[in-house]
């Protein structure tokens, strides 16, 4: 549950980072990203997409974010 000073977004992302959950990030452009969120701040998140590649994603570009589920979903 979000507490004073922490938003629901903060709590959701902290849990995803702590659990190393593979996440699906659907951008407003339609690009579909999958990876593990390594860090988050007020404006960005760092997404590890594997193969030694990390992406800096602006939160303002994100339409939907959630657990990746099974491949092909």
Protein backbone atom coordinates (compact mmCIF):
# COMPACT_ATOMS: atom_id res chain seq x y z
CA UNK A 1 0.00 0.00 0.00
CA UNK A 2 1.26 3.49 -0.82
CA UNK A 3 2.30 5.58 2.14
CA UNK A 4 2.80 9.30 2.55
CA UNK A 5 5.66 10.34 0.27
CA UNK A 6 5.38 7.14 -1.81
CA UNK A 7 3.01 6.81 -4.72
CA UNK A 8 1.33 3.64 -5.91
CA UNK A 9 3.68 3.83 -8.90
CA UNK A 10 6.72 3.92 -6.58
CA UNK A 11 5.51 0.89 -4.63
CA UNK A 12 4.69 -1.08 -7.82
CA UNK A 13 8.10 -0.40 -9.36
CA UNK A 14 9.97 -1.09 -6.08
CA UNK A 15 8.28 -4.51 -5.88
CA UNK A 16 9.14 -5.29 -9.52
CA UNK A 17 12.79 -4.31 -8.88
CA UNK A 18 13.04 -6.26 -5.61
CA UNK A 19 11.48 -9.40 -7.11
CA UNK A 20 13.40 -9.11 -10.40
CA UNK A 21 10.12 -9.65 -12.23
CA UNK A 22 10.31 -9.72 -16.02
CA UNK A 23 8.07 -6.86 -17.10
CA UNK A 24 6.30 -5.94 -20.33
CA UNK A 25 6.53 -2.24 -21.14
CA UNK A 26 4.26 -1.08 -23.96
CA UNK A 27 5.26 2.36 -25.21
CA UNK A 28 2.84 4.93 -26.60
CA UNK A 29 4.58 4.47 -29.97
CA UNK A 30 3.44 0.83 -29.97
CA UNK A 31 6.93 -0.58 -29.27
CA UNK A 32 6.73 -3.63 -26.99
CA UNK A 33 9.67 -4.02 -24.57
CA UNK A 34 10.32 -6.87 -22.14
CA UNK A 35 12.94 -6.96 -19.44
CA UNK A 36 13.83 -6.55 -15.80
CA UNK A 37 13.56 -3.09 -14.27
CA UNK A 38 16.88 -2.26 -12.61
CA UNK A 39 16.13 1.26 -11.32
CA UNK A 40 13.51 3.99 -11.36
CA UNK A 41 13.30 7.69 -10.58
CA UNK A 42 10.65 10.38 -11.04
CA UNK A 43 11.03 10.51 -14.84
CA UNK A 44 12.75 7.34 -16.08
CA UNK A 45 13.31 3.66 -15.54
CA UNK A 46 16.23 1.46 -16.54
CA UNK A 47 15.15 -1.74 -18.27
CA UNK A 48 17.57 -4.67 -18.68
CA UNK A 49 16.47 -6.38 -21.90
CA UNK A 50 19.16 -9.06 -21.79
CA UNK A 51 22.35 -9.61 -23.70
CA UNK A 52 24.09 -6.95 -21.64
CA UNK A 53 21.74 -4.22 -22.94
CA UNK A 54 20.02 -1.73 -20.66
CA UNK A 55 17.58 0.89 -21.93
CA UNK A 56 16.72 4.21 -20.29
CA UNK A 57 12.96 4.59 -20.82
CA UNK A 58 11.13 7.84 -20.14
CA UNK A 59 7.98 7.23 -18.10
CA UNK A 60 6.12 9.78 -20.22
CA UNK A 61 6.58 7.40 -23.19
CA UNK A 62 5.01 4.41 -21.37
CA UNK A 63 1.39 3.50 -22.04
CA UNK A 64 1.14 0.24 -20.08
CA UNK A 65 3.46 -1.72 -17.80
CA UNK A 66 2.98 -5.09 -16.12
CA UNK A 67 4.39 -8.58 -15.62
CA UNK A 68 5.45 -10.13 -18.92
CA UNK A 69 3.63 -13.45 -18.50
CA UNK A 70 4.40 -16.24 -20.91
CA UNK A 71 6.14 -15.61 -24.27
CA UNK A 72 3.67 -14.83 -27.04
CA UNK A 73 1.15 -13.11 -24.77
